[in-house]
Amino acid sequence: MEYRATILSVMAICAAGLLGAGSAVAKETRTADEEAWLEAHNEARHAFGTAPLSWSLQLTREAQAWADVLAHTNTMRHSSRDERAKTGENLWMGTAGYFSPQRMIGYFVDEQRYFRSGYFPDISTTGNWSDVGHYTQIVWAETREVGCAKASNGHNDFLVCRYYPAGNVLGERIEPRRQMAKR
């Protein structure tokens, strides 16, 4: 049997000074998958030197609604900017039931190998920012909240992660902050 995984990235422009997309959720109210997704995000952020993300119930609800659409239509496509407001979005698809929550996020984090510090979108050793866009959204310093959700159609699992505020902002610099990572 062949197992496969697919990811898509999105570039989002965010305006400063907007209110958060949702409030933080206590650990006790998160599922095991949600806890694993948050932990995987925060491990990558710690290694990069950015502050940990908080889990957002509102972003999780929005991610679940979009994951359900993707599973129902069996397609990988980003929601429109209007549907996402000022949030970023990472998408992943893989063979149903085969991938752990950590591995799903791991596909995004694996893009680190092509990352180079710079001003967005000139941040990839390949010359194509989309080769690192999932990773940079995860470690983007100004991003404070995340919510992820998965839906399945029996053949494929679809993971949607939403971020507030969105990362990958044109003209903004991104570089590791190693001094924070040494904590």
C-alpha atoms as a PDB file:
ATOM      1  CA  MET A   1       0.000   0.000   0.000  1.00  0.00           C
ATOM      2  CA  GLU A   2       1.271   3.441  -0.858  1.00  0.00           C
ATOM      3  CA  TYR A   3       1.140   6.126   1.827  1.00  0.00           C
ATOM      4  CA  ARG A   4       1.350   9.761   0.901  1.00  0.00           C
ATOM      5  CA  ALA A   5       1.207  13.212   2.376  1.00  0.00           C
ATOM      6  CA  THR A   6       0.681  16.594   0.753  1.00  0.00           C
ATOM      7  CA  ILE A   7       1.041  20.103   2.156  1.00  0.00           C
ATOM      8  CA  LEU A   8       0.060  23.552   0.921  1.00  0.00           C
ATOM      9  CA  SER A   9       1.145  26.943   2.178  1.00  0.00           C
ATOM     10  CA  VAL A  10      -0.393  30.372   2.133  1.00  0.00           C
ATOM     11  CA  MET A  11       1.029  33.871   2.206  1.00  0.00           C
ATOM     12  CA  ALA A  12      -1.063  36.190   4.318  1.00  0.00           C
ATOM     13  CA  ILE A  13      -0.686  39.909   4.854  1.00  0.00           C
ATOM     14  CA  CYS A  14      -1.709  41.084   8.285  1.00  0.00           C
ATOM     15  CA  ALA A  15      -2.472  44.521   9.616  1.00  0.00           C
ATOM     16  CA  ALA A  16      -1.061  45.545  12.985  1.00  0.00           C
ATOM     17  CA  GLY A  17      -3.280  46.313  15.944  1.00  0.00           C
ATOM     18  CA  LEU A  18      -6.133  43.874  15.282  1.00  0.00           C
ATOM     19  CA  LEU A  19      -7.726  41.847  18.051  1.00  0.00           C
ATOM     20  CA  GLY A  20      -6.858  38.160  18.444  1.00  0.00           C
ATOM     21  CA  ALA A  21      -8.884  35.536  16.630  1.00  0.00           C
ATOM     22  CA  GLY A  22      -9.742  33.637  19.792  1.00  0.00           C
ATOM     23  CA  SER A  23      -8.854  33.077  23.384  1.00  0.00           C
ATOM     24  CA  ALA A  24      -6.393  30.588  24.799  1.00  0.00           C
ATOM     25  CA  VAL A  25      -7.748  27.201  25.833  1.00  0.00           C
ATOM     26  CA  ALA A  26      -6.736  25.380  28.997  1.00  0.00           C
ATOM     27  CA  LYS A  27      -4.738  22.184  28.501  1.00  0.00           C
ATOM     28  CA  GLU A  28      -7.475  20.103  30.120  1.00  0.00           C
ATOM     29  CA  THR A  29      -9.932  20.966  27.338  1.00  0.00           C
ATOM     30  CA  ARG A  30      -7.677  19.971  24.445  1.00  0.00           C
ATOM     31  CA  THR A  31      -7.743  16.559  22.808  1.00  0.00           C
ATOM     32  CA  ALA A  32      -4.590  14.440  22.659  1.00  0.00           C
ATOM     33  CA  ASP A  33      -4.149  15.373  18.988  1.00  0.00           C
ATOM     34  CA  GLU A  34      -4.562  19.078  19.756  1.00  0.00           C
ATOM     35  CA  GLU A  35      -2.019  18.827  22.547  1.00  0.00           C
ATOM     36  CA  ALA A  36       0.435  17.070  20.201  1.00  0.00           C
ATOM     37  CA  TRP A  37      -0.069  19.665  17.438  1.00  0.00           C
ATOM     38  CA  LEU A  38       0.528  22.517  19.883  1.00  0.00           C
ATOM     39  CA  GLU A  39       3.583  20.834  21.372  1.00  0.00           C
ATOM     40  CA  ALA A  40       5.090  20.218  17.923  1.00  0.00           C
ATOM     41  CA  HIS A  41       4.543  23.878  16.990  1.00  0.00           C
ATOM     42  CA  ASN A  42       6.102  25.096  20.219  1.00  0.00           C
ATOM     43  CA  GLU A  43       9.111  22.779  19.950  1.00  0.00           C
ATOM     44  CA  ALA A  44       9.896  24.323  16.553  1.00  0.00           C
ATOM     45  CA  ARG A  45       9.364  27.833  17.942  1.00  0.00           C
ATOM     46  CA  HIS A  46      11.642  27.134  20.912  1.00  0.00           C
ATOM     47  CA  ALA A  47      14.401  25.875  18.612  1.00  0.00           C
ATOM     48  CA  PHE A  48      13.995  28.997  16.458  1.00  0.00           C
ATOM     49  CA  GLY A  49      13.873  31.288  19.485  1.00  0.00           C
ATOM     50  CA  THR A  50      10.307  32.582  19.320  1.00  0.00           C
ATOM     51  CA  ALA A  51       7.736  32.594  22.108  1.00  0.00           C
ATOM     52  CA  PRO A  52       5.349  29.649  22.416  1.00  0.00           C
ATOM     53  CA  LEU A  53       1.914  29.782  20.827  1.00  0.00           C
ATOM     54  CA  SER A  54      -1.358  29.629  22.737  1.00  0.00           C
ATOM     55  CA  TRP A  55      -4.141  27.302  21.632  1.00  0.00           C
ATOM     56  CA  SER A  56      -7.191  29.137  20.284  1.00  0.00           C
ATOM     57  CA  LEU A  57     -10.618  27.533  20.442  1.00  0.00           C
ATOM     58  CA  GLN A  58     -11.907  29.998  17.816  1.00  0.00           C
ATOM     59  CA  LEU A  59      -9.101  29.137  15.387  1.00  0.00           C
ATOM     60  CA  THR A  60      -9.706  25.433  16.073  1.00  0.00           C
ATOM     61  CA  ARG A  61     -13.404  25.797  15.202  1.00  0.00           C
ATOM     62  CA  GLU A  62     -12.526  27.637  11.993  1.00  0.00           C
ATOM     63  CA  ALA A  63      -9.903  25.032  11.092  1.00  0.00           C
ATOM     64  CA  GLN A  64     -12.389  22.218  11.723  1.00  0.00           C
ATOM     65  CA  ALA A  65     -14.994  23.799   9.464  1.00  0.00           C
ATOM     66  CA  TRP A  66     -12.467  24.080   6.623  1.00  0.00           C
ATOM     67  CA  ALA A  67     -11.017  20.588   7.219  1.00  0.00           C
ATOM     68  CA  ASP A  68     -14.565  19.198   6.933  1.00  0.00           C
ATOM     69  CA  VAL A  69     -14.986  20.943   3.549  1.00  0.00           C
ATOM     70  CA  LEU A  70     -11.678  19.534   2.291  1.00  0.00           C
ATOM     71  CA  ALA A  71     -12.513  15.999   3.421  1.00  0.00           C
ATOM     72  CA  HIS A  72     -15.982  16.177   1.883  1.00  0.00           C
ATOM     73  CA  THR A  73     -14.660  17.425  -1.474  1.00  0.00           C
ATOM     74  CA  ASN A  74     -11.416  15.402  -1.262  1.00  0.00           C
ATOM     75  CA  THR A  75      -9.457  18.428  -2.467  1.00  0.00           C
ATOM     76  CA  MET A  76      -6.516  20.438  -1.170  1.00  0.00           C
ATOM     77  CA  ARG A  77      -7.107  24.150  -1.499  1.00  0.00           C
ATOM     78  CA  HIS A  78      -6.810  27.136   0.751  1.00  0.00           C
ATOM     79  CA  SER A  79      -9.815  28.978   2.034  1.00  0.00           C
ATOM     80  CA  SER A  80     -10.241  32.452   0.608  1.00  0.00           C
ATOM     81  CA  ARG A  81      -8.674  35.434   2.343  1.00  0.00           C
ATOM     82  CA  ASP A  82     -12.192  36.663   3.136  1.00  0.00           C
ATOM     83  CA  GLU A  83     -12.970  33.354   4.878  1.00  0.00           C
ATOM     84  CA  ARG A  84      -9.722  33.518   6.863  1.00  0.00           C
ATOM     85  CA  ALA A  85      -9.848  37.199   7.786  1.00  0.00           C
ATOM     86  CA  LYS A  86      -6.365  38.020   9.152  1.00  0.00           C
ATOM     87  CA  THR A  87      -5.239  34.476   9.898  1.00  0.00           C
ATOM     88  CA  GLY A  88      -2.583  32.343   8.269  1.00  0.00           C
ATOM     89  CA  GLU A  89      -3.301  28.795   7.154  1.00  0.00           C
ATOM     90  CA  ASN A  90      -1.216  25.639   6.723  1.00  0.00           C
ATOM     91  CA  LEU A  91      -2.769  22.582   5.048  1.00  0.00           C
ATOM     92  CA  TRP A  92      -1.692  18.952   5.039  1.00  0.00           C
ATOM     93  CA  MET A  93      -3.223  15.794   3.553  1.00  0.00           C
ATOM     94  CA  GLY A  94      -2.164  12.192   4.026  1.00  0.00           C
ATOM     95  CA  THR A  95      -3.384   8.619   3.942  1.00  0.00           C
ATOM     96  CA  ALA A  96      -6.160   8.238   6.517  1.00  0.00           C
ATOM     97  CA  GLY A  97      -5.064   6.918   9.898  1.00  0.00           C
ATOM     98  CA  TYR A  98      -1.414   6.535   8.981  1.00  0.00           C
ATOM     99  CA  PHE A  99       0.271   9.705  10.259  1.00  0.00           C
ATOM    100  CA  SER A 100       0.681  10.810  13.873  1.00  0.00           C
ATOM    101  CA  PRO A 101      -0.155  14.392  14.868  1.00  0.00           C
ATOM    102  CA  GLN A 102       3.562  15.050  15.433  1.00  0.00           C
ATOM    103  CA  ARG A 103       4.469  13.774  11.961  1.00  0.00           C
ATOM    104  CA  MET A 104       1.795  15.942  10.328  1.00  0.00           C
ATOM    105  CA  ILE A 105       3.375  19.067  11.826  1.00  0.00           C
ATOM    106  CA  GLY A 106       6.796  17.537  11.188  1.00  0.00           C
ATOM    107  CA  TYR A 107       6.214  17.846   7.446  1.00  0.00           C
ATOM    108  CA  PHE A 108       5.850  21.609   7.900  1.00  0.00           C
ATOM    109  CA  VAL A 109       8.892  21.845  10.175  1.00  0.00           C
ATOM    110  CA  ASP A 110      11.025  19.767   7.772  1.00  0.00           C
ATOM    111  CA  GLU A 111      11.025  22.785   5.444  1.00  0.00           C
ATOM    112  CA  GLN A 112      13.560  24.340   7.812  1.00  0.00           C
ATOM    113  CA  ARG A 113      16.314  22.757   5.716  1.00  0.00           C
ATOM    114  CA  TYR A 114      15.604  25.300   2.950  1.00  0.00           C
ATOM    115  CA  PHE A 115      15.161  28.323   5.225  1.00  0.00           C
ATOM    116  CA  ARG A 116      17.531  31.269   5.288  1.00  0.00           C
ATOM    117  CA  SER A 117      17.173  34.477   7.246  1.00  0.00           C
ATOM    118  CA  GLY A 118      15.982  37.428   5.239  1.00  0.00           C
ATOM    119  CA  TYR A 119      13.131  39.702   4.285  1.00  0.00           C
ATOM    120  CA  PHE A 120      10.005  37.887   3.207  1.00  0.00           C
ATOM    121  CA  PRO A 121       9.674  36.514   0.535  1.00  0.00           C
ATOM    122  CA  ASP A 122      13.466  36.159   0.022  1.00  0.00           C
ATOM    123  CA  ILE A 123      13.831  33.489   2.712  1.00  0.00           C
ATOM    124  CA  SER A 124      14.538  30.233   0.893  1.00  0.00           C
ATOM    125  CA  THR A 125      17.759  28.707  -0.356  1.00  0.00           C
ATOM    126  CA  THR A 126      15.750  27.389  -3.325  1.00  0.00           C
ATOM    127  CA  GLY A 127      14.612  30.869  -4.330  1.00  0.00           C
ATOM    128  CA  ASN A 128      10.950  29.910  -3.792  1.00  0.00           C
ATOM    129  CA  TRP A 129       9.414  31.099  -0.504  1.00  0.00           C
ATOM    130  CA  SER A 130       6.680  28.453  -0.699  1.00  0.00           C
ATOM    131  CA  ASP A 131       9.366  25.818  -0.032  1.00  0.00           C
ATOM    132  CA  VAL A 132       9.594  27.195   3.534  1.00  0.00           C
ATOM    133  CA  GLY A 133       6.226  28.931   3.995  1.00  0.00           C
ATOM    134  CA  HIS A 134       4.729  26.374   6.390  1.00  0.00           C
ATOM    135  CA  TYR A 135       7.808  26.452   8.578  1.00  0.00           C
ATOM    136  CA  THR A 136       8.069  30.229   8.630  1.00  0.00           C
ATOM    137  CA  GLN A 137       4.375  30.552   9.534  1.00  0.00           C
ATOM    138  CA  ILE A 138       4.982  28.247  12.501  1.00  0.00           C
ATOM    139  CA  VAL A 139       8.020  30.184  13.789  1.00  0.00           C
ATOM    140  CA  TRP A 140       6.890  33.722  12.810  1.00  0.00           C
ATOM    141  CA  ALA A 141       7.656  35.868  15.852  1.00  0.00           C
ATOM    142  CA  GLU A 142       4.483  37.974  15.798  1.00  0.00           C
ATOM    143  CA  THR A 143       2.151  34.956  15.587  1.00  0.00           C
ATOM    144  CA  ARG A 144       0.679  34.254  19.025  1.00  0.00           C
ATOM    145  CA  GLU A 145      -2.192  31.761  18.569  1.00  0.00           C
ATOM    146  CA  VAL A 146      -2.811  28.532  16.703  1.00  0.00           C
ATOM    147  CA  GLY A 147      -5.723  26.160  16.242  1.00  0.00           C
ATOM    148  CA  CYS A 148      -5.607  22.939  14.220  1.00  0.00           C
ATOM    149  CA  ALA A 149      -8.218  20.359  13.277  1.00  0.00           C
ATOM    150  CA  LYS A 150      -8.385  17.167  11.237  1.00  0.00           C
ATOM    151  CA  ALA A 151     -11.147  15.632   9.135  1.00  0.00           C
ATOM    152  CA  SER A 152     -11.126  12.326   7.300  1.00  0.00           C
ATOM    153  CA  ASN A 153     -13.084  10.900   4.404  1.00  0.00           C
ATOM    154  CA  GLY A 154     -11.916   7.319   4.867  1.00  0.00           C
ATOM    155  CA  HIS A 155      -9.181   7.647   2.247  1.00  0.00           C
ATOM    156  CA  ASN A 156      -7.368  10.771   3.385  1.00  0.00           C
ATOM    157  CA  ASP A 157      -6.909  12.823   6.528  1.00  0.00           C
ATOM    158  CA  PHE A 158      -6.948  16.599   6.086  1.00  0.00           C
ATOM    159  CA  LEU A 159      -5.229  18.818   8.646  1.00  0.00           C
ATOM    160  CA  VAL A 160      -5.885  22.551   8.758  1.00  0.00           C
ATOM    161  CA  CYS A 161      -3.920  24.844  11.071  1.00  0.00           C
ATOM    162  CA  ARG A 162      -4.887  28.486  11.477  1.00  0.00           C
ATOM    163  CA  TYR A 163      -2.580  31.159  12.923  1.00  0.00           C
ATOM    164  CA  TYR A 164      -3.167  34.597  14.416  1.00  0.00           C
ATOM    165  CA  PRO A 165      -1.824  36.962  13.465  1.00  0.00           C
ATOM    166  CA  ALA A 166      -0.740  35.614  10.107  1.00  0.00           C
ATOM    167  CA  GLY A 167       2.948  35.301   9.365  1.00  0.00           C
ATOM    168  CA  ASN A 168       4.808  35.482   6.074  1.00  0.00           C
ATOM    169  CA  VAL A 169       4.335  39.232   5.803  1.00  0.00           C
ATOM    170  CA  LEU A 170       5.831  40.889   2.719  1.00  0.00           C
ATOM    171  CA  GLY A 171       8.916  42.958   3.513  1.00  0.00           C
ATOM    172  CA  GLU A 172       9.242  41.750   7.118  1.00  0.00           C
ATOM    173  CA  ARG A 173      12.482  40.175   8.333  1.00  0.00           C
ATOM    174  CA  ILE A 174      12.577  36.679   9.782  1.00  0.00           C
ATOM    175  CA  GLU A 175      15.615  35.230  11.516  1.00  0.00           C
ATOM    176  CA  PRO A 176      16.270  32.903  14.440  1.00  0.00           C
ATOM    177  CA  ARG A 177      16.447  34.471  17.861  1.00  0.00           C
ATOM    178  CA  ARG A 178      18.905  32.018  19.369  1.00  0.00           C
ATOM    179  CA  GLN A 179      19.203  33.911  22.666  1.00  0.00           C
ATOM    180  CA  MET A 180      15.597  32.913  23.508  1.00  0.00           C
ATOM    181  CA  ALA A 181      16.187  29.295  22.491  1.00  0.00           C
ATOM    182  CA  LYS A 182      18.944  28.878  25.125  1.00  0.00           C
ATOM    183  CA  ARG A 183      16.498  29.228  28.042  1.00  0.00           C
END
